[in-house]
Structures are given as C-alpha cells and as structure tokens.
Amino acid sequence: MISVISLNEKFKSITPNAMIKKLVESKYTKGVEICASPNNEEMLAYMDELVKECKENNILFQVHGDSSLDLETQLKYLERIAEYSDYLGYTINVVLHSVLRDDNETSLHDSQEYFDEILKVINRKKIRISVENLNDAVGYIRLDKDEMKPILYNDARLYMTYDIGHEIADFGNITDIDSEFIKRLSNVHLHEISDRYKIQSEHLPIYDTSKDFEQVLKGILFLKKIKYEGPVVFEYDLYACKGETIEEKVDEYIHSIDSTSEHMI
C-alpha cells in the first residue's frame, strides 16, 4: 500500500517543491491526491508544478475531482489530467463523488448519465474514474457504499474509492464489501471523525488515541487481508491538524500518516 496525503487550497503557502521535499524525507508518505478547482488559476498553476515535482521525485500523483462541475468544464479539466498522464507515464486515479441530488433515485440516475458521458470521451488508459462512497450528513442525501452499487454494477468502466472514514461515520460494517467492489478497488480514503453526521468534523487526523482508532485498524487489516496494494489517502482537514503555522500543521499531518502507516506494513 502507498500512503498518500490529501492536498487542496489550504496548502498553497507551501510550495510544491517544499511539499514534495517533505514527502521525500517522510518514511511512508509517498503520494499526493490534490483537489484543485478548474476555476482557480492559482491552484491549477500549483498543480502543474506539483506534477513536475512528483515525476522528478517518484511521488505518486492523483486527483480528487468535483462532480458538481458541468460536463463541458469537467471534460476540459480531464484533458489537463490526461496531459499529466502523458508526462508521468501512468494512469491517473481521478476520484469523483456521485452527483448530489434531493433523493437517491435521482442521484443514481444522474450519476450514471454523468459518468457515462465522461467515459465516452476520456482515454481510460490515461484516466481512471474512481467513484467514492459517501456518508449521510445533516441537510444532504449522499450515496453510501450499498446505495451506489447500481452505479458500479451497471458500468464496468468505473472503479471504486473506498472511504473507510465515511463508512465509520455511518456506523457501517467496514469489512462488508462486495467482491465486485474489491475487484475494482483503485483507491482508499482514511480519516477520523469527531461527531457523526456533521460534514465539518468528518476529516480529522488519525492518532492512536482517537475514539475510532480501532475501527481504522480494522479497516487496515481488512485491506491487508484482501491483499490491496494501491494508494491509501489520509484525507484530513489541514486546519484540524496540530500546529500554530501551516507548515507545522503539514508536518503534523505527515507525522500522523507515517505513524498510522506502521500498521500497514
């Protein structure tokens, strides 16, 4: 398994060069999954530079996308990711949520249509669309790993990102996952939660003193049992990490990843 840090706009004060240098020096954290809006030129430039640093330092690069984008914007964004694939020389995981709607039935229908339109256009040797299971949250209806089954079952071109933190948040059975999902598992998200059903508190750092640490370990043991060898993204809210400055928070973030990754060996 490859331990991965989750990056977004909150990290922009740490240059790509400085960020990747920290990962080179890290014991286990050897990948990045970045969320960068296609409407934010500053973050797109950051991502361009990050890709170069990843290639030069043999750091895994992948993307957390945005399913709320209209199709035209999404496809243009994915063209950029395809160019990264050419440069890096491997297929890039692009994580997408199911489309957010007012009810499950509409979400399923619109998600299937949205993904189908994307898959008709992209080169799947360059981009791997990996759909993430979500958890319910106050004010939102979101598809969990069981509710999203029709999306994956009806389209063999899609892969799965298994967010174990979301499963914990919904009091789910971490090890209860279909064999078809396991076959198409291309990515994993791990994080702690402080209060179930509150979006703002669901992506917290993992420590051995965390209240759900045993559940996190159970998830890691499950991944080892099924012989999963892909990326495991420690998806934290940077601002929830300890430290007075952004750099201190980043260092603490990586420290938490490395400590938890000891259990993945």
C-alpha atoms as a PDB file:
ATOM      1  CA  MET A   1       0.000   0.000   0.000  1.00  0.00           C
ATOM      2  CA  ILE A   2       1.111   3.548  -0.753  1.00  0.00           C
ATOM      3  CA  SER A   3       0.409   6.217   1.858  1.00  0.00           C
ATOM      4  CA  VAL A   4      -0.876   9.446   0.301  1.00  0.00           C
ATOM      5  CA  ILE A   5      -1.500  12.977   1.597  1.00  0.00           C
ATOM      6  CA  SER A   6      -4.592  14.926   0.511  1.00  0.00           C
ATOM      7  CA  LEU A   7      -3.853  18.452  -0.769  1.00  0.00           C
ATOM      8  CA  ASN A   8      -6.087  21.432  -1.507  1.00  0.00           C
ATOM      9  CA  GLU A   9      -6.064  25.226  -1.475  1.00  0.00           C
ATOM     10  CA  LYS A  10      -5.197  25.312   2.241  1.00  0.00           C
ATOM     11  CA  PHE A  11      -1.676  24.095   1.366  1.00  0.00           C
ATOM     12  CA  LYS A  12      -0.855  26.798  -1.190  1.00  0.00           C
ATOM     13  CA  SER A  13       1.579  28.654   1.101  1.00  0.00           C
ATOM     14  CA  ILE A  14       3.796  25.537   0.987  1.00  0.00           C
ATOM     15  CA  THR A  15       5.399  25.469  -2.463  1.00  0.00           C
ATOM     16  CA  PRO A  16       5.153  22.253  -4.488  1.00  0.00           C
ATOM     17  CA  ASN A  17       8.926  21.881  -4.203  1.00  0.00           C
ATOM     18  CA  ALA A  18       8.823  22.216  -0.400  1.00  0.00           C
ATOM     19  CA  MET A  19       5.799  19.896  -0.167  1.00  0.00           C
ATOM     20  CA  ILE A  20       7.397  17.127  -2.175  1.00  0.00           C
ATOM     21  CA  LYS A  21      10.674  17.533  -0.293  1.00  0.00           C
ATOM     22  CA  LYS A  22       8.748  16.755   2.909  1.00  0.00           C
ATOM     23  CA  LEU A  23       7.373  13.586   1.299  1.00  0.00           C
ATOM     24  CA  VAL A  24      10.802  12.512   0.094  1.00  0.00           C
ATOM     25  CA  GLU A  25      12.021  12.831   3.679  1.00  0.00           C
ATOM     26  CA  SER A  26       8.949  11.031   5.057  1.00  0.00           C
ATOM     27  CA  LYS A  27       9.243   7.360   5.937  1.00  0.00           C
ATOM     28  CA  TYR A  28       5.961   6.261   4.356  1.00  0.00           C
ATOM     29  CA  THR A  29       4.081   9.195   2.767  1.00  0.00           C
ATOM     30  CA  LYS A  30       4.909   8.814  -0.920  1.00  0.00           C
ATOM     31  CA  GLY A  31       1.918  10.163  -2.823  1.00  0.00           C
ATOM     32  CA  VAL A  32      -0.409  13.149  -3.243  1.00  0.00           C
ATOM     33  CA  GLU A  33      -4.091  13.419  -4.077  1.00  0.00           C
ATOM     34  CA  ILE A  34      -4.919  17.010  -4.947  1.00  0.00           C
ATOM     35  CA  CYS A  35      -8.256  18.788  -5.168  1.00  0.00           C
ATOM     36  CA  ALA A  36      -7.820  21.881  -7.357  1.00  0.00           C
ATOM     37  CA  SER A  37     -10.746  23.767  -8.837  1.00  0.00           C
ATOM     38  CA  PRO A  38     -10.579  24.235 -12.621  1.00  0.00           C
ATOM     39  CA  ASN A  39     -11.822  27.771 -11.966  1.00  0.00           C
ATOM     40  CA  ASN A  40      -8.860  28.674  -9.745  1.00  0.00           C
ATOM     41  CA  GLU A  41      -5.874  29.597 -11.921  1.00  0.00           C
ATOM     42  CA  GLU A  42      -3.568  29.838  -8.907  1.00  0.00           C
ATOM     43  CA  MET A  43      -4.333  26.267  -7.881  1.00  0.00           C
ATOM     44  CA  LEU A  44      -4.063  24.994 -11.443  1.00  0.00           C
ATOM     45  CA  ALA A  45      -0.583  26.510 -11.658  1.00  0.00           C
ATOM     46  CA  TYR A  46       0.221  24.915  -8.299  1.00  0.00           C
ATOM     47  CA  MET A  47      -0.938  21.551  -9.629  1.00  0.00           C
ATOM     48  CA  ASP A  48       1.145  21.934 -12.803  1.00  0.00           C
ATOM     49  CA  GLU A  49       4.265  22.475 -10.720  1.00  0.00           C
ATOM     50  CA  LEU A  50       3.314  19.679  -8.331  1.00  0.00           C
ATOM     51  CA  VAL A  51       3.163  17.183 -11.203  1.00  0.00           C
ATOM     52  CA  LYS A  52       6.711  18.106 -12.221  1.00  0.00           C
ATOM     53  CA  GLU A  53       7.952  17.641  -8.662  1.00  0.00           C
ATOM     54  CA  CYS A  54       6.164  14.289  -8.381  1.00  0.00           C
ATOM     55  CA  LYS A  55       7.831  12.996 -11.534  1.00  0.00           C
ATOM     56  CA  GLU A  56      11.277  14.174 -10.506  1.00  0.00           C
ATOM     57  CA  ASN A  57      10.975  12.579  -7.062  1.00  0.00           C
ATOM     58  CA  ASN A  58       8.970   9.418  -7.873  1.00  0.00           C
ATOM     59  CA  ILE A  59       5.943  10.541  -5.848  1.00  0.00           C
ATOM     60  CA  LEU A  60       2.515   9.187  -6.830  1.00  0.00           C
ATOM     61  CA  PHE A  61       0.105  11.791  -8.221  1.00  0.00           C
ATOM     62  CA  GLN A  62      -3.678  11.537  -8.313  1.00  0.00           C
ATOM     63  CA  VAL A  63      -6.684  13.872  -8.298  1.00  0.00           C
ATOM     64  CA  HIS A  64      -9.850  14.381  -6.272  1.00  0.00           C
ATOM     65  CA  GLY A  65     -12.311  15.839  -8.747  1.00  0.00           C
ATOM     66  CA  ASP A  66     -15.658  17.615  -8.434  1.00  0.00           C
ATOM     67  CA  SER A  67     -18.884  16.027  -9.678  1.00  0.00           C
ATOM     68  CA  SER A  68     -20.754  19.329  -9.396  1.00  0.00           C
ATOM     69  CA  LEU A  69     -18.946  20.655 -12.482  1.00  0.00           C
ATOM     70  CA  ASP A  70     -20.952  20.901 -15.674  1.00  0.00           C
ATOM     71  CA  LEU A  71     -19.933  18.354 -18.275  1.00  0.00           C
ATOM     72  CA  GLU A  72     -18.084  20.805 -20.528  1.00  0.00           C
ATOM     73  CA  THR A  73     -15.952  22.122 -17.657  1.00  0.00           C
ATOM     74  CA  GLN A  74     -15.320  18.609 -16.370  1.00  0.00           C
ATOM     75  CA  LEU A  75     -14.133  17.302 -19.718  1.00  0.00           C
ATOM     76  CA  LYS A  76     -11.841  20.272 -20.241  1.00  0.00           C
ATOM     77  CA  TYR A  77     -10.374  19.685 -16.787  1.00  0.00           C
ATOM     78  CA  LEU A  78      -9.864  15.995 -17.537  1.00  0.00           C
ATOM     79  CA  GLU A  79      -7.976  16.932 -20.709  1.00  0.00           C
ATOM     80  CA  ARG A  80      -5.445  18.578 -18.418  1.00  0.00           C
ATOM     81  CA  ILE A  81      -5.229  15.431 -16.290  1.00  0.00           C
ATOM     82  CA  ALA A  82      -4.702  13.348 -19.443  1.00  0.00           C
ATOM     83  CA  GLU A  83      -1.715  15.563 -20.309  1.00  0.00           C
ATOM     84  CA  TYR A  84      -0.329  14.869 -16.831  1.00  0.00           C
ATOM     85  CA  SER A  85      -0.723  11.154 -17.554  1.00  0.00           C
ATOM     86  CA  ASP A  86       1.337  11.508 -20.736  1.00  0.00           C
ATOM     87  CA  TYR A  87       4.043  13.306 -18.758  1.00  0.00           C
ATOM     88  CA  LEU A  88       4.058  10.923 -15.792  1.00  0.00           C
ATOM     89  CA  GLY A  89       3.699   7.737 -17.811  1.00  0.00           C
ATOM     90  CA  TYR A  90       0.874   6.100 -15.857  1.00  0.00           C
ATOM     91  CA  THR A  91      -2.912   6.075 -15.489  1.00  0.00           C
ATOM     92  CA  ILE A  92      -4.108   8.695 -13.012  1.00  0.00           C
ATOM     93  CA  ASN A  93      -6.810   7.977 -10.457  1.00  0.00           C
ATOM     94  CA  VAL A  94      -9.499  10.676 -10.552  1.00  0.00           C
ATOM     95  CA  VAL A  95     -11.872  10.411  -7.594  1.00  0.00           C
ATOM     96  CA  LEU A  96     -15.444  11.592  -8.107  1.00  0.00           C
ATOM     97  CA  HIS A  97     -18.497  11.602  -5.860  1.00  0.00           C
ATOM     98  CA  SER A  98     -21.923  10.546  -7.011  1.00  0.00           C
ATOM     99  CA  VAL A  99     -23.961  13.528  -8.214  1.00  0.00           C
ATOM    100  CA  LEU A 100     -25.701  15.293  -5.325  1.00  0.00           C
ATOM    101  CA  ARG A 101     -29.482  15.410  -5.710  1.00  0.00           C
ATOM    102  CA  ASP A 102     -32.569  15.636  -3.474  1.00  0.00           C
ATOM    103  CA  ASP A 103     -33.220  11.882  -3.449  1.00  0.00           C
ATOM    104  CA  ASN A 104     -31.311   8.657  -4.026  1.00  0.00           C
ATOM    105  CA  GLU A 105     -33.161   7.655  -7.174  1.00  0.00           C
ATOM    106  CA  THR A 106     -32.385  10.918  -8.949  1.00  0.00           C
ATOM    107  CA  SER A 107     -28.799  10.851  -7.699  1.00  0.00           C
ATOM    108  CA  LEU A 108     -28.305   7.349  -9.104  1.00  0.00           C
ATOM    109  CA  HIS A 109     -29.841   8.231 -12.460  1.00  0.00           C
ATOM    110  CA  ASP A 110     -27.957  11.489 -12.897  1.00  0.00           C
ATOM    111  CA  SER A 111     -24.677   9.979 -11.680  1.00  0.00           C
ATOM    112  CA  GLN A 112     -24.884   7.147 -14.197  1.00  0.00           C
ATOM    113  CA  GLU A 113     -25.599   9.577 -17.022  1.00  0.00           C
ATOM    114  CA  TYR A 114     -22.813  11.942 -15.929  1.00  0.00           C
ATOM    115  CA  PHE A 115     -20.186   9.212 -15.663  1.00  0.00           C
ATOM    116  CA  ASP A 116     -21.282   7.660 -18.942  1.00  0.00           C
ATOM    117  CA  GLU A 117     -20.801  10.945 -20.786  1.00  0.00           C
ATOM    118  CA  ILE A 118     -17.337  11.322 -19.262  1.00  0.00           C
ATOM    119  CA  LEU A 119     -16.313   7.765 -20.096  1.00  0.00           C
ATOM    120  CA  LYS A 120     -17.416   8.157 -23.710  1.00  0.00           C
ATOM    121  CA  VAL A 121     -14.796  10.874 -24.150  1.00  0.00           C
ATOM    122  CA  ILE A 122     -11.777  10.203 -21.941  1.00  0.00           C
ATOM    123  CA  ASN A 123      -8.902   7.865 -22.703  1.00  0.00           C
ATOM    124  CA  ARG A 124      -9.175   5.218 -19.981  1.00  0.00           C
ATOM    125  CA  LYS A 125      -5.502   4.345 -20.404  1.00  0.00           C
ATOM    126  CA  LYS A 126      -4.773   7.814 -19.071  1.00  0.00           C
ATOM    127  CA  ILE A 127      -7.592   8.426 -16.571  1.00  0.00           C
ATOM    128  CA  ARG A 128      -9.259   6.012 -14.171  1.00  0.00           C
ATOM    129  CA  ILE A 129     -12.593   7.293 -12.818  1.00  0.00           C
ATOM    130  CA  SER A 130     -12.945   6.062  -9.237  1.00  0.00           C
ATOM    131  CA  VAL A 131     -16.325   6.651  -7.542  1.00  0.00           C
ATOM    132  CA  GLU A 132     -16.278   7.305  -3.802  1.00  0.00           C
ATOM    133  CA  ASN A 133     -18.805   6.037  -1.269  1.00  0.00           C
ATOM    134  CA  LEU A 134     -20.204   8.825   0.880  1.00  0.00           C
ATOM    135  CA  ASN A 135     -21.947   9.134   4.239  1.00  0.00           C
ATOM    136  CA  ASP A 136     -25.183  10.817   5.197  1.00  0.00           C
ATOM    137  CA  ALA A 137     -24.816  14.317   6.605  1.00  0.00           C
ATOM    138  CA  VAL A 138     -27.131  16.965   8.008  1.00  0.00           C
ATOM    139  CA  GLY A 139     -29.033  18.543   5.124  1.00  0.00           C
ATOM    140  CA  TYR A 140     -27.644  16.200   2.476  1.00  0.00           C
ATOM    141  CA  ILE A 141     -28.646  12.885   0.911  1.00  0.00           C
ATOM    142  CA  ARG A 142     -25.472  11.126  -0.240  1.00  0.00           C
ATOM    143  CA  LEU A 143     -24.968   7.606  -1.573  1.00  0.00           C
ATOM    144  CA  ASP A 144     -23.177   5.137   0.695  1.00  0.00           C
ATOM    145  CA  LYS A 145     -21.360   2.026  -0.497  1.00  0.00           C
ATOM    146  CA  ASP A 146     -24.550  -0.041  -0.720  1.00  0.00           C
ATOM    147  CA  GLU A 147     -26.651   2.667  -2.348  1.00  0.00           C
ATOM    148  CA  MET A 148     -24.018   3.287  -5.029  1.00  0.00           C
ATOM    149  CA  LYS A 149     -23.944  -0.355  -6.156  1.00  0.00           C
ATOM    150  CA  PRO A 150     -26.047   0.240  -9.307  1.00  0.00           C
ATOM    151  CA  ILE A 151     -23.543   2.865 -10.485  1.00  0.00           C
ATOM    152  CA  LEU A 152     -20.631   0.433 -10.474  1.00  0.00           C
ATOM    153  CA  TYR A 153     -22.584  -2.713 -11.336  1.00  0.00           C
ATOM    154  CA  ASN A 154     -24.043  -1.117 -14.456  1.00  0.00           C
ATOM    155  CA  ASP A 155     -20.755   0.212 -15.786  1.00  0.00           C
ATOM    156  CA  ALA A 156     -17.645  -1.982 -15.811  1.00  0.00           C
ATOM    157  CA  ARG A 157     -15.529   1.017 -16.824  1.00  0.00           C
ATOM    158  CA  LEU A 158     -15.781   2.558 -13.351  1.00  0.00           C
ATOM    159  CA  TYR A 159     -13.594   1.889 -10.311  1.00  0.00           C
ATOM    160  CA  MET A 160     -14.164   2.441  -6.610  1.00  0.00           C
ATOM    161  CA  THR A 161     -12.618   4.661  -3.960  1.00  0.00           C
ATOM    162  CA  TYR A 162     -13.479   3.108  -0.606  1.00  0.00           C
ATOM    163  CA  ASP A 163     -13.747   5.826   2.037  1.00  0.00           C
ATOM    164  CA  ILE A 164     -13.458   3.912   5.289  1.00  0.00           C
ATOM    165  CA  GLY A 165     -13.971   7.111   7.289  1.00  0.00           C
ATOM    166  CA  HIS A 166     -17.368   7.618   5.663  1.00  0.00           C
ATOM    167  CA  GLU A 167     -18.286   4.034   6.467  1.00  0.00           C
ATOM    168  CA  ILE A 168     -17.335   4.567  10.119  1.00  0.00           C
ATOM    169  CA  ALA A 169     -19.412   7.776  10.174  1.00  0.00           C
ATOM    170  CA  ASP A 170     -22.484   5.846   9.050  1.00  0.00           C
ATOM    171  CA  PHE A 171     -21.895   3.062  11.606  1.00  0.00           C
ATOM    172  CA  GLY A 172     -21.279   0.701   8.696  1.00  0.00           C
ATOM    173  CA  ASN A 173     -19.570  -2.672   8.605  1.00  0.00           C
ATOM    174  CA  ILE A 174     -16.116  -1.872   7.241  1.00  0.00           C
ATOM    175  CA  THR A 175     -15.438  -5.412   6.061  1.00  0.00           C
ATOM    176  CA  ASP A 176     -18.851  -5.911   4.439  1.00  0.00           C
ATOM    177  CA  ILE A 177     -17.938  -5.055   0.869  1.00  0.00           C
ATOM    178  CA  ASP A 178     -18.911  -6.942  -2.269  1.00  0.00           C
ATOM    179  CA  SER A 179     -16.335  -8.970  -4.170  1.00  0.00           C
ATOM    180  CA  GLU A 180     -17.085  -6.916  -7.297  1.00  0.00           C
ATOM    181  CA  PHE A 181     -16.164  -3.748  -5.400  1.00  0.00           C
ATOM    182  CA  ILE A 182     -12.934  -5.371  -4.229  1.00  0.00           C
ATOM    183  CA  LYS A 183     -12.030  -6.247  -7.829  1.00  0.00           C
ATOM    184  CA  ARG A 184     -12.460  -2.616  -8.833  1.00  0.00           C
ATOM    185  CA  LEU A 185     -10.918  -1.031  -5.771  1.00  0.00           C
ATOM    186  CA  SER A 186      -8.376   1.529  -7.016  1.00  0.00           C
ATOM    187  CA  ASN A 187      -8.153   3.891  -4.056  1.00  0.00           C
ATOM    188  CA  VAL A 188      -8.899   4.173  -0.319  1.00  0.00           C
ATOM    189  CA  HIS A 189      -9.580   7.146   1.968  1.00  0.00           C
ATOM    190  CA  LEU A 190      -8.851   7.072   5.694  1.00  0.00           C
ATOM    191  CA  HIS A 191      -9.694   9.704   8.298  1.00  0.00           C
ATOM    192  CA  GLU A 192     -11.062  10.137  11.802  1.00  0.00           C
ATOM    193  CA  ILE A 193     -14.390  11.734  12.720  1.00  0.00           C
ATOM    194  CA  SER A 194     -15.366  13.655  15.838  1.00  0.00           C
ATOM    195  CA  ASP A 195     -19.148  13.770  15.585  1.00  0.00           C
ATOM    196  CA  ARG A 196     -21.144  11.660  13.166  1.00  0.00           C
ATOM    197  CA  TYR A 197     -23.346  13.321  10.558  1.00  0.00           C
ATOM    198  CA  LYS A 198     -21.501  16.652  10.679  1.00  0.00           C
ATOM    199  CA  ILE A 199     -19.577  17.320   7.484  1.00  0.00           C
ATOM    200  CA  GLN A 200     -17.292  19.870   9.078  1.00  0.00           C
ATOM    201  CA  SER A 201     -15.894  17.327  11.544  1.00  0.00           C
ATOM    202  CA  GLU A 202     -15.512  14.199   9.448  1.00  0.00           C
ATOM    203  CA  HIS A 203     -11.961  14.589   8.120  1.00  0.00           C
ATOM    204  CA  LEU A 204      -9.806  14.658  11.228  1.00  0.00           C
ATOM    205  CA  PRO A 205      -6.259  13.347  11.816  1.00  0.00           C
ATOM    206  CA  ILE A 206      -5.790   9.772  12.994  1.00  0.00           C
ATOM    207  CA  TYR A 207      -3.965   9.138  16.264  1.00  0.00           C
ATOM    208  CA  ASP A 208      -3.730   6.008  18.385  1.00  0.00           C
ATOM    209  CA  THR A 209      -5.787   7.910  20.988  1.00  0.00           C
ATOM    210  CA  SER A 210      -8.605   8.653  18.527  1.00  0.00           C
ATOM    211  CA  LYS A 211     -12.002   7.317  19.546  1.00  0.00           C
ATOM    212  CA  ASP A 212     -12.375   5.328  16.305  1.00  0.00           C
ATOM    213  CA  PHE A 213      -8.764   4.173  16.073  1.00  0.00           C
ATOM    214  CA  GLU A 214      -9.759   0.531  16.489  1.00  0.00           C
ATOM    215  CA  GLN A 215     -12.134   0.880  13.545  1.00  0.00           C
ATOM    216  CA  VAL A 216      -9.352   2.420  11.465  1.00  0.00           C
ATOM    217  CA  LEU A 217      -7.086  -0.517  12.352  1.00  0.00           C
ATOM    218  CA  LYS A 218      -9.877  -2.910  11.426  1.00  0.00           C
ATOM    219  CA  GLY A 219     -10.063  -1.233   8.031  1.00  0.00           C
ATOM    220  CA  ILE A 220      -6.303  -1.520   7.541  1.00  0.00           C
ATOM    221  CA  LEU A 221      -6.351  -5.201   8.495  1.00  0.00           C
ATOM    222  CA  PHE A 222      -9.163  -5.756   6.012  1.00  0.00           C
ATOM    223  CA  LEU A 223      -7.113  -4.129   3.248  1.00  0.00           C
ATOM    224  CA  LYS A 224      -4.183  -6.389   4.104  1.00  0.00           C
ATOM    225  CA  LYS A 225      -6.449  -9.441   4.104  1.00  0.00           C
ATOM    226  CA  ILE A 226      -7.741  -8.732   0.588  1.00  0.00           C
ATOM    227  CA  LYS A 227      -4.136  -8.029  -0.497  1.00  0.00           C
ATOM    228  CA  TYR A 228      -4.875  -4.458  -1.543  1.00  0.00           C
ATOM    229  CA  GLU A 229      -1.672  -2.790  -2.710  1.00  0.00           C
ATOM    230  CA  GLY A 230      -2.903   0.557  -4.031  1.00  0.00           C
ATOM    231  CA  PRO A 231      -2.972   4.108  -2.660  1.00  0.00           C
ATOM    232  CA  VAL A 232      -4.370   4.879   0.796  1.00  0.00           C
ATOM    233  CA  VAL A 233      -5.178   8.575   1.080  1.00  0.00           C
ATOM    234  CA  PHE A 234      -5.146  10.029   4.578  1.00  0.00           C
ATOM    235  CA  GLU A 235      -7.832  12.609   3.926  1.00  0.00           C
ATOM    236  CA  TYR A 236      -7.538  15.213   6.685  1.00  0.00           C
ATOM    237  CA  ASP A 237      -8.704  18.785   7.080  1.00  0.00           C
ATOM    238  CA  LEU A 238      -5.341  20.555   7.349  1.00  0.00           C
ATOM    239  CA  TYR A 239      -6.771  23.103   9.778  1.00  0.00           C
ATOM    240  CA  ALA A 240      -7.677  20.273  12.182  1.00  0.00           C
ATOM    241  CA  CYS A 241      -4.026  19.228  12.475  1.00  0.00           C
ATOM    242  CA  LYS A 242      -1.971  20.383  15.436  1.00  0.00           C
ATOM    243  CA  GLY A 243       0.351  23.350  14.983  1.00  0.00           C
ATOM    244  CA  GLU A 244       0.378  27.142  15.045  1.00  0.00           C
ATOM    245  CA  THR A 245       1.510  27.664  11.452  1.00  0.00           C
ATOM    246  CA  ILE A 246       0.559  25.975   8.179  1.00  0.00           C
ATOM    247  CA  GLU A 247       3.986  24.380   7.967  1.00  0.00           C
ATOM    248  CA  GLU A 248       3.664  22.974  11.495  1.00  0.00           C
ATOM    249  CA  LYS A 249       0.241  21.588  10.596  1.00  0.00           C
ATOM    250  CA  VAL A 250       1.626  19.965   7.432  1.00  0.00           C
ATOM    251  CA  ASP A 251       4.452  18.384   9.415  1.00  0.00           C
ATOM    252  CA  GLU A 252       1.951  17.055  11.956  1.00  0.00           C
ATOM    253  CA  TYR A 253      -0.242  15.753   9.131  1.00  0.00           C
ATOM    254  CA  ILE A 254       2.666  13.761   7.689  1.00  0.00           C
ATOM    255  CA  HIS A 255       3.649  12.545  11.147  1.00  0.00           C
ATOM    256  CA  SER A 256       0.125  11.155  11.678  1.00  0.00           C
ATOM    257  CA  ILE A 257       0.240   9.413   8.284  1.00  0.00           C
ATOM    258  CA  ASP A 258       3.621   7.858   8.989  1.00  0.00           C
ATOM    259  CA  SER A 259       2.581   6.676  12.471  1.00  0.00           C
ATOM    260  CA  THR A 260      -0.613   5.039  11.203  1.00  0.00           C
ATOM    261  CA  SER A 261       1.195   3.599   8.174  1.00  0.00           C
ATOM    262  CA  GLU A 262       3.296   1.456  10.520  1.00  0.00           C
ATOM    263  CA  HIS A 263       0.195  -0.745  10.817  1.00  0.00           C
ATOM    264  CA  MET A 264       0.012  -1.156   7.019  1.00  0.00           C
ATOM    265  CA  ILE A 265       3.336  -2.977   6.797  1.00  0.00           C
END
